N, C-alpha and C. Protein backbone atom coordinates (compact mmCIF):
# COMPACT_ATOMS: atom_id res chain seq x y z
N MET A 1 -39.49 30.44 57.39
CA MET A 1 -39.79 29.87 57.78
C MET A 1 -40.89 28.70 58.69
N ALA A 2 -42.19 28.03 57.83
CA ALA A 2 -42.80 27.71 58.92
C ALA A 2 -42.47 26.37 59.45
N LYS A 3 -42.98 25.89 60.86
CA LYS A 3 -42.48 25.09 61.16
C LYS A 3 -43.57 23.74 61.16
N LYS A 4 -43.11 22.80 61.44
CA LYS A 4 -43.69 21.17 60.73
C LYS A 4 -44.22 20.77 62.14
N LEU A 5 -45.53 20.64 61.45
CA LEU A 5 -46.59 20.21 63.11
C LEU A 5 -46.51 18.73 62.91
N PHE A 6 -45.65 18.26 61.76
CA PHE A 6 -46.19 16.56 62.73
C PHE A 6 -44.10 16.29 62.52
N LYS A 7 -43.57 15.29 62.57
CA LYS A 7 -42.54 14.84 62.81
C LYS A 7 -42.51 13.21 63.05
N ASN A 8 -41.47 12.56 61.85
CA ASN A 8 -41.50 11.61 61.36
C ASN A 8 -40.43 10.80 62.21
N TYR A 9 -41.19 9.81 63.34
CA TYR A 9 -39.79 9.16 64.44
C TYR A 9 -40.10 7.48 63.42
N ASP A 10 -39.97 7.58 62.97
CA ASP A 10 -39.29 6.40 61.64
C ASP A 10 -37.75 5.47 61.53
N PHE A 11 -37.23 5.14 61.91
CA PHE A 11 -36.20 4.92 62.22
C PHE A 11 -35.59 3.48 61.27
N GLU A 12 -34.71 3.94 60.41
CA GLU A 12 -33.97 3.02 59.78
C GLU A 12 -32.18 2.40 60.44
N PHE A 13 -32.20 1.39 61.26
CA PHE A 13 -31.22 1.23 62.01
C PHE A 13 -30.57 -0.24 61.11
N ASP A 14 -29.06 0.07 61.11
CA ASP A 14 -28.60 -1.29 60.35
C ASP A 14 -27.98 -1.91 61.79
N LYS A 15 -27.87 -3.59 62.10
CA LYS A 15 -27.55 -4.37 62.87
C LYS A 15 -27.21 -4.19 63.85
N ASN A 16 -25.86 -2.94 63.34
CA ASN A 16 -25.12 -3.08 64.43
C ASN A 16 -25.81 -1.81 65.35
N GLU A 17 -26.10 -0.99 65.11
CA GLU A 17 -26.79 0.02 65.17
C GLU A 17 -27.91 -0.33 66.32
N ALA A 18 -29.03 -1.39 66.09
CA ALA A 18 -30.05 -2.20 66.32
C ALA A 18 -29.37 -2.77 67.66
N LYS A 19 -28.66 -3.57 67.53
CA LYS A 19 -27.89 -3.96 68.56
C LYS A 19 -27.89 -3.26 69.89
N ILE A 20 -27.00 -2.53 69.33
CA ILE A 20 -25.97 -1.12 70.54
C ILE A 20 -27.83 -0.52 71.22
N ILE A 21 -29.03 -0.29 70.40
CA ILE A 21 -29.87 0.41 71.23
C ILE A 21 -30.72 -0.63 71.84
N SER A 22 -30.88 -1.44 71.34
CA SER A 22 -31.00 -2.81 72.29
C SER A 22 -30.94 -3.23 73.42
N SER A 23 -29.04 -3.21 74.17
CA SER A 23 -28.66 -3.50 74.70
C SER A 23 -28.64 -2.67 75.63
N PHE A 24 -28.20 -0.87 75.26
CA PHE A 24 -29.04 -0.58 75.60
C PHE A 24 -29.65 0.10 76.10
N CYS A 25 -31.27 -0.35 75.47
CA CYS A 25 -32.39 -0.53 76.47
C CYS A 25 -32.70 -1.81 77.36
N LYS A 26 -31.85 -2.32 76.80
CA LYS A 26 -31.63 -2.94 78.34
C LYS A 26 -31.51 -3.37 79.50
N GLN A 27 -30.65 -2.80 79.59
CA GLN A 27 -29.59 -2.14 79.80
C GLN A 27 -30.06 -0.53 81.15
N ALA A 28 -30.68 -0.03 80.68
CA ALA A 28 -31.87 0.84 80.95
C ALA A 28 -33.01 0.32 82.08
N GLY A 29 -33.10 -0.84 81.59
CA GLY A 29 -34.10 -1.42 82.05
C GLY A 29 -34.22 -1.60 83.47
N LYS A 30 -33.44 -2.43 82.99
CA LYS A 30 -33.15 -3.33 84.40
C LYS A 30 -32.59 -2.21 85.94
N GLN A 31 -31.77 -0.97 84.97
CA GLN A 31 -31.59 -0.28 85.74
C GLN A 31 -32.75 0.75 86.87
N MET A 32 -32.81 0.50 86.35
CA MET A 32 -34.39 1.40 86.46
C MET A 32 -35.62 0.98 87.17
N MET A 33 -35.69 -0.35 86.57
CA MET A 33 -36.81 -1.22 87.44
C MET A 33 -36.95 -1.80 88.78
N SER A 34 -36.16 -1.10 89.22
CA SER A 34 -36.30 -1.49 90.64
C SER A 34 -37.09 0.18 91.55
N ASP A 35 -36.75 0.71 91.21
CA ASP A 35 -37.72 2.25 91.12
C ASP A 35 -38.99 2.98 90.24
N GLU A 36 -39.86 2.48 92.14
CA GLU A 36 -41.33 3.12 90.81
C GLU A 36 -40.94 3.54 90.50
N ARG A 37 -40.22 5.88 90.32
CA ARG A 37 -41.18 6.74 89.08
C ARG A 37 -40.49 6.09 88.20
N PHE A 38 -40.20 5.37 87.83
CA PHE A 38 -39.54 5.48 86.55
C PHE A 38 -40.24 4.26 85.30
N VAL A 39 -41.20 4.19 85.50
CA VAL A 39 -41.89 2.45 85.63
C VAL A 39 -42.36 3.25 84.05
N SER A 40 -42.58 4.63 83.55
CA SER A 40 -43.07 4.91 82.05
C SER A 40 -41.51 4.70 81.44
N ASP A 41 -40.24 4.65 81.64
CA ASP A 41 -38.78 4.50 81.09
C ASP A 41 -38.82 3.03 81.00
N VAL A 42 -38.70 2.97 81.65
CA VAL A 42 -38.70 1.30 81.36
C VAL A 42 -39.76 1.11 80.40
N ARG A 43 -41.35 1.00 80.97
CA ARG A 43 -41.83 1.16 79.77
C ARG A 43 -41.65 1.04 77.87
N ALA A 44 -41.18 2.77 78.13
CA ALA A 44 -40.93 2.78 76.81
C ALA A 44 -39.75 1.96 76.17
N PHE A 45 -38.73 1.92 77.09
CA PHE A 45 -37.15 1.11 76.62
C PHE A 45 -37.72 -0.34 76.56
N ASN A 46 -39.15 -0.91 76.60
CA ASN A 46 -40.01 -2.25 76.67
C ASN A 46 -39.70 -2.93 75.43
N SER A 47 -40.48 -1.19 75.04
CA SER A 47 -41.31 -1.34 74.09
C SER A 47 -40.54 -0.57 72.82
N ILE A 48 -39.32 -0.61 72.61
CA ILE A 48 -38.85 -0.39 71.75
C ILE A 48 -37.53 -0.85 71.37
N ILE A 49 -37.34 -2.14 72.63
CA ILE A 49 -36.63 -3.30 72.21
C ILE A 49 -37.10 -4.54 71.40
N GLU A 50 -38.85 -4.44 71.29
CA GLU A 50 -39.62 -5.32 70.91
C GLU A 50 -39.73 -4.38 69.25
N LYS A 51 -39.54 -3.00 68.95
CA LYS A 51 -39.80 -3.10 67.95
C LYS A 51 -38.56 -2.68 66.86
N ILE A 52 -37.37 -3.41 67.75
CA ILE A 52 -36.42 -2.79 67.64
C ILE A 52 -35.90 -4.26 67.25
N ASN A 53 -36.55 -5.44 67.76
CA ASN A 53 -36.30 -7.38 67.51
C ASN A 53 -37.69 -7.36 66.19
N ASN A 54 -38.68 -6.68 66.54
CA ASN A 54 -39.49 -6.82 65.34
C ASN A 54 -39.31 -6.89 64.05
N ASP A 55 -38.69 -5.65 63.80
CA ASP A 55 -38.15 -5.45 62.29
C ASP A 55 -36.78 -3.77 62.80
N PRO A 56 -35.85 -4.33 62.87
CA PRO A 56 -34.23 -3.58 62.93
C PRO A 56 -34.75 -2.46 61.92
N SER A 57 -34.33 -2.44 60.50
CA SER A 57 -34.97 -1.78 59.43
C SER A 57 -36.07 -0.62 58.89
N ASN A 58 -36.58 -0.81 60.38
CA ASN A 58 -37.71 0.08 60.32
C ASN A 58 -38.30 0.04 61.22
N VAL A 59 -37.76 1.36 62.05
CA VAL A 59 -38.67 1.47 63.54
C VAL A 59 -39.27 2.00 63.94
N LYS A 60 -40.48 2.24 63.66
CA LYS A 60 -41.63 3.26 64.23
C LYS A 60 -41.34 3.87 66.06
N MET A 61 -40.54 4.74 66.34
CA MET A 61 -41.75 5.46 67.61
C MET A 61 -42.00 6.39 68.11
N SER A 62 -42.28 6.08 69.29
CA SER A 62 -43.70 7.36 69.29
C SER A 62 -42.95 8.67 69.62
N LYS A 63 -42.98 10.12 69.86
CA LYS A 63 -42.57 10.63 70.69
C LYS A 63 -41.38 10.69 71.72
N ASP A 64 -42.39 9.94 72.84
CA ASP A 64 -42.06 9.10 73.92
C ASP A 64 -40.96 8.95 73.70
N GLU A 65 -41.31 7.31 73.13
CA GLU A 65 -40.42 6.64 73.49
C GLU A 65 -39.44 7.52 72.95
N LYS A 66 -38.81 8.48 71.10
CA LYS A 66 -38.24 8.44 70.77
C LYS A 66 -36.75 9.95 72.26
N THR A 67 -38.10 10.24 72.50
CA THR A 67 -37.34 11.68 73.27
C THR A 67 -37.11 11.09 75.35
N ARG A 68 -37.28 9.90 75.23
CA ARG A 68 -37.36 9.69 76.11
C ARG A 68 -35.69 8.18 76.24
N LEU A 69 -35.09 7.87 74.89
CA LEU A 69 -33.97 7.82 74.38
C LEU A 69 -33.01 8.41 74.49
N VAL A 70 -33.32 9.15 74.06
CA VAL A 70 -32.25 10.25 73.21
C VAL A 70 -32.06 10.67 74.86
N ARG A 71 -32.23 11.25 75.71
CA ARG A 71 -32.33 11.77 77.03
C ARG A 71 -31.32 10.80 77.27
N GLN A 72 -31.89 9.80 77.09
CA GLN A 72 -30.53 8.48 78.26
C GLN A 72 -29.44 8.47 77.53
N LEU A 73 -29.46 8.87 76.40
CA LEU A 73 -28.13 8.52 75.31
C LEU A 73 -27.07 9.87 75.80
N LYS A 74 -27.79 11.12 75.62
CA LYS A 74 -27.48 11.85 75.85
C LYS A 74 -26.93 12.34 77.38
N GLU A 75 -26.98 11.80 78.54
CA GLU A 75 -26.93 11.82 79.58
C GLU A 75 -25.40 10.31 79.74
N ASN A 76 -25.52 9.49 79.28
CA ASN A 76 -24.65 8.46 79.07
C ASN A 76 -23.57 9.03 78.36
N VAL A 77 -24.05 9.93 77.41
CA VAL A 77 -21.95 10.36 77.09
C VAL A 77 -21.66 11.87 77.99
N LYS A 78 -22.65 11.95 78.29
CA LYS A 78 -22.15 13.35 79.36
C LYS A 78 -21.40 12.30 80.51
N HIS A 79 -21.88 11.25 80.97
CA HIS A 79 -21.07 10.16 81.81
C HIS A 79 -20.35 9.92 81.86
N ILE A 80 -20.09 8.91 80.28
CA ILE A 80 -19.48 8.86 80.04
C ILE A 80 -17.69 9.66 79.54
N GLU A 81 -17.92 11.02 79.15
CA GLU A 81 -16.68 11.26 79.03
C GLU A 81 -16.91 12.25 80.50
N LYS A 82 -17.64 12.35 81.26
CA LYS A 82 -16.52 13.13 82.68
C LYS A 82 -15.36 11.47 83.03
N GLU A 83 -16.40 9.96 82.85
CA GLU A 83 -15.39 9.02 83.62
C GLU A 83 -14.03 9.05 82.59
N MET A 84 -14.14 9.07 81.61
CA MET A 84 -12.52 9.39 80.65
C MET A 84 -12.11 9.96 80.92
N GLY A 85 -12.04 11.04 81.36
CA GLY A 85 -11.25 11.85 82.60
C GLY A 85 -10.72 11.49 83.43
N LYS A 86 -11.20 10.77 83.91
CA LYS A 86 -10.59 10.38 85.43
C LYS A 86 -9.72 8.90 85.47
N THR A 87 -10.43 8.02 84.54
CA THR A 87 -9.63 7.04 84.31
C THR A 87 -8.54 6.72 83.76
N ASN A 88 -7.77 5.60 84.14
CA ASN A 88 -6.15 4.92 83.56
C ASN A 88 -6.82 4.09 81.78
N PHE A 89 -5.22 4.13 81.49
CA PHE A 89 -5.50 3.90 80.19
C PHE A 89 -6.79 2.90 79.29
N ILE A 90 -6.10 1.96 80.13
CA ILE A 90 -6.73 0.73 79.33
C ILE A 90 -8.13 1.06 79.69
N LYS A 91 -9.21 1.39 80.82
CA LYS A 91 -10.35 1.70 81.48
C LYS A 91 -10.92 2.75 79.95
N ARG A 92 -10.64 3.62 79.91
CA ARG A 92 -10.54 4.65 78.98
C ARG A 92 -10.45 4.74 77.40
N TRP A 93 -9.41 3.29 76.79
CA TRP A 93 -9.65 2.50 75.48
C TRP A 93 -10.72 1.64 75.37
N LEU A 94 -11.30 1.23 76.38
CA LEU A 94 -13.07 0.04 76.54
C LEU A 94 -14.38 1.15 76.33
N MET A 95 -13.98 2.49 77.09
CA MET A 95 -15.04 3.46 76.93
C MET A 95 -14.57 3.89 75.62
N LYS A 96 -13.74 4.36 75.28
CA LYS A 96 -13.82 5.07 74.04
C LYS A 96 -15.10 4.77 73.35
N SER A 97 -14.25 3.14 72.95
CA SER A 97 -15.36 2.56 71.59
C SER A 97 -17.36 2.89 72.02
N MET A 98 -17.22 2.45 73.31
CA MET A 98 -18.69 2.99 73.25
C MET A 98 -18.87 4.08 73.30
N HIS A 99 -18.26 4.93 74.01
CA HIS A 99 -18.62 6.79 73.72
C HIS A 99 -18.50 6.70 72.22
N LYS A 100 -18.37 6.53 71.15
CA LYS A 100 -18.30 6.28 69.69
C LYS A 100 -19.18 6.31 69.40
N GLN A 101 -19.72 4.88 69.82
CA GLN A 101 -21.21 4.17 69.08
C GLN A 101 -22.27 5.67 69.50
N TYR A 102 -22.52 5.94 70.63
CA TYR A 102 -23.61 6.02 71.02
C TYR A 102 -23.81 8.05 70.66
N THR A 103 -22.54 8.53 69.74
CA THR A 103 -22.74 9.71 70.38
C THR A 103 -22.25 9.58 68.42
N SER A 104 -22.09 8.51 67.22
CA SER A 104 -22.43 8.17 66.30
C SER A 104 -24.36 8.04 66.11
N LEU A 105 -24.65 7.20 67.27
CA LEU A 105 -25.86 7.02 66.62
C LEU A 105 -27.07 8.53 67.62
N LEU A 106 -26.56 9.01 68.25
CA LEU A 106 -27.16 10.36 68.54
C LEU A 106 -27.20 11.60 67.62
N THR A 107 -25.72 11.43 66.67
CA THR A 107 -25.48 12.48 65.52
C THR A 107 -26.19 12.15 64.04
N ASN A 108 -25.90 10.17 63.82
CA ASN A 108 -26.31 9.96 62.61
C ASN A 108 -28.64 10.51 62.60
N HIS A 109 -28.91 9.35 63.79
CA HIS A 109 -30.22 9.06 64.14
C HIS A 109 -30.89 10.65 64.82
N PHE A 110 -30.31 10.73 65.53
CA PHE A 110 -31.50 11.41 66.60
C PHE A 110 -30.63 12.80 66.66
N SER A 111 -30.28 13.95 66.00
CA SER A 111 -29.83 14.75 66.15
C SER A 111 -30.77 15.85 65.22
N GLU A 112 -31.10 17.07 65.98
CA GLU A 112 -32.37 18.22 65.04
C GLU A 112 -31.66 19.42 65.06
């Protein structure tokens, strides 16, 4: 089977998914803003936020934006899984919903 030459980076997010991605990008942008090594990441996240604010039902990302978002989401899921193993019941319960939201985003929209 031949490999596709061009991939489609158009995504349709519902209202909740758009809000999750938007808040995730805002938080990641704030954390990375102080370090000059992550200027391109911050720029990509700000671009994603603008696109989601314009029309969350039809978001056209560039390849760079998609890869940066997916990489950060995967790193967050790994970190949450590691933290859930060490924390008490209440914190684990709070983190479980965030973990579930991020993994559903990864499986529904960004799985390859």
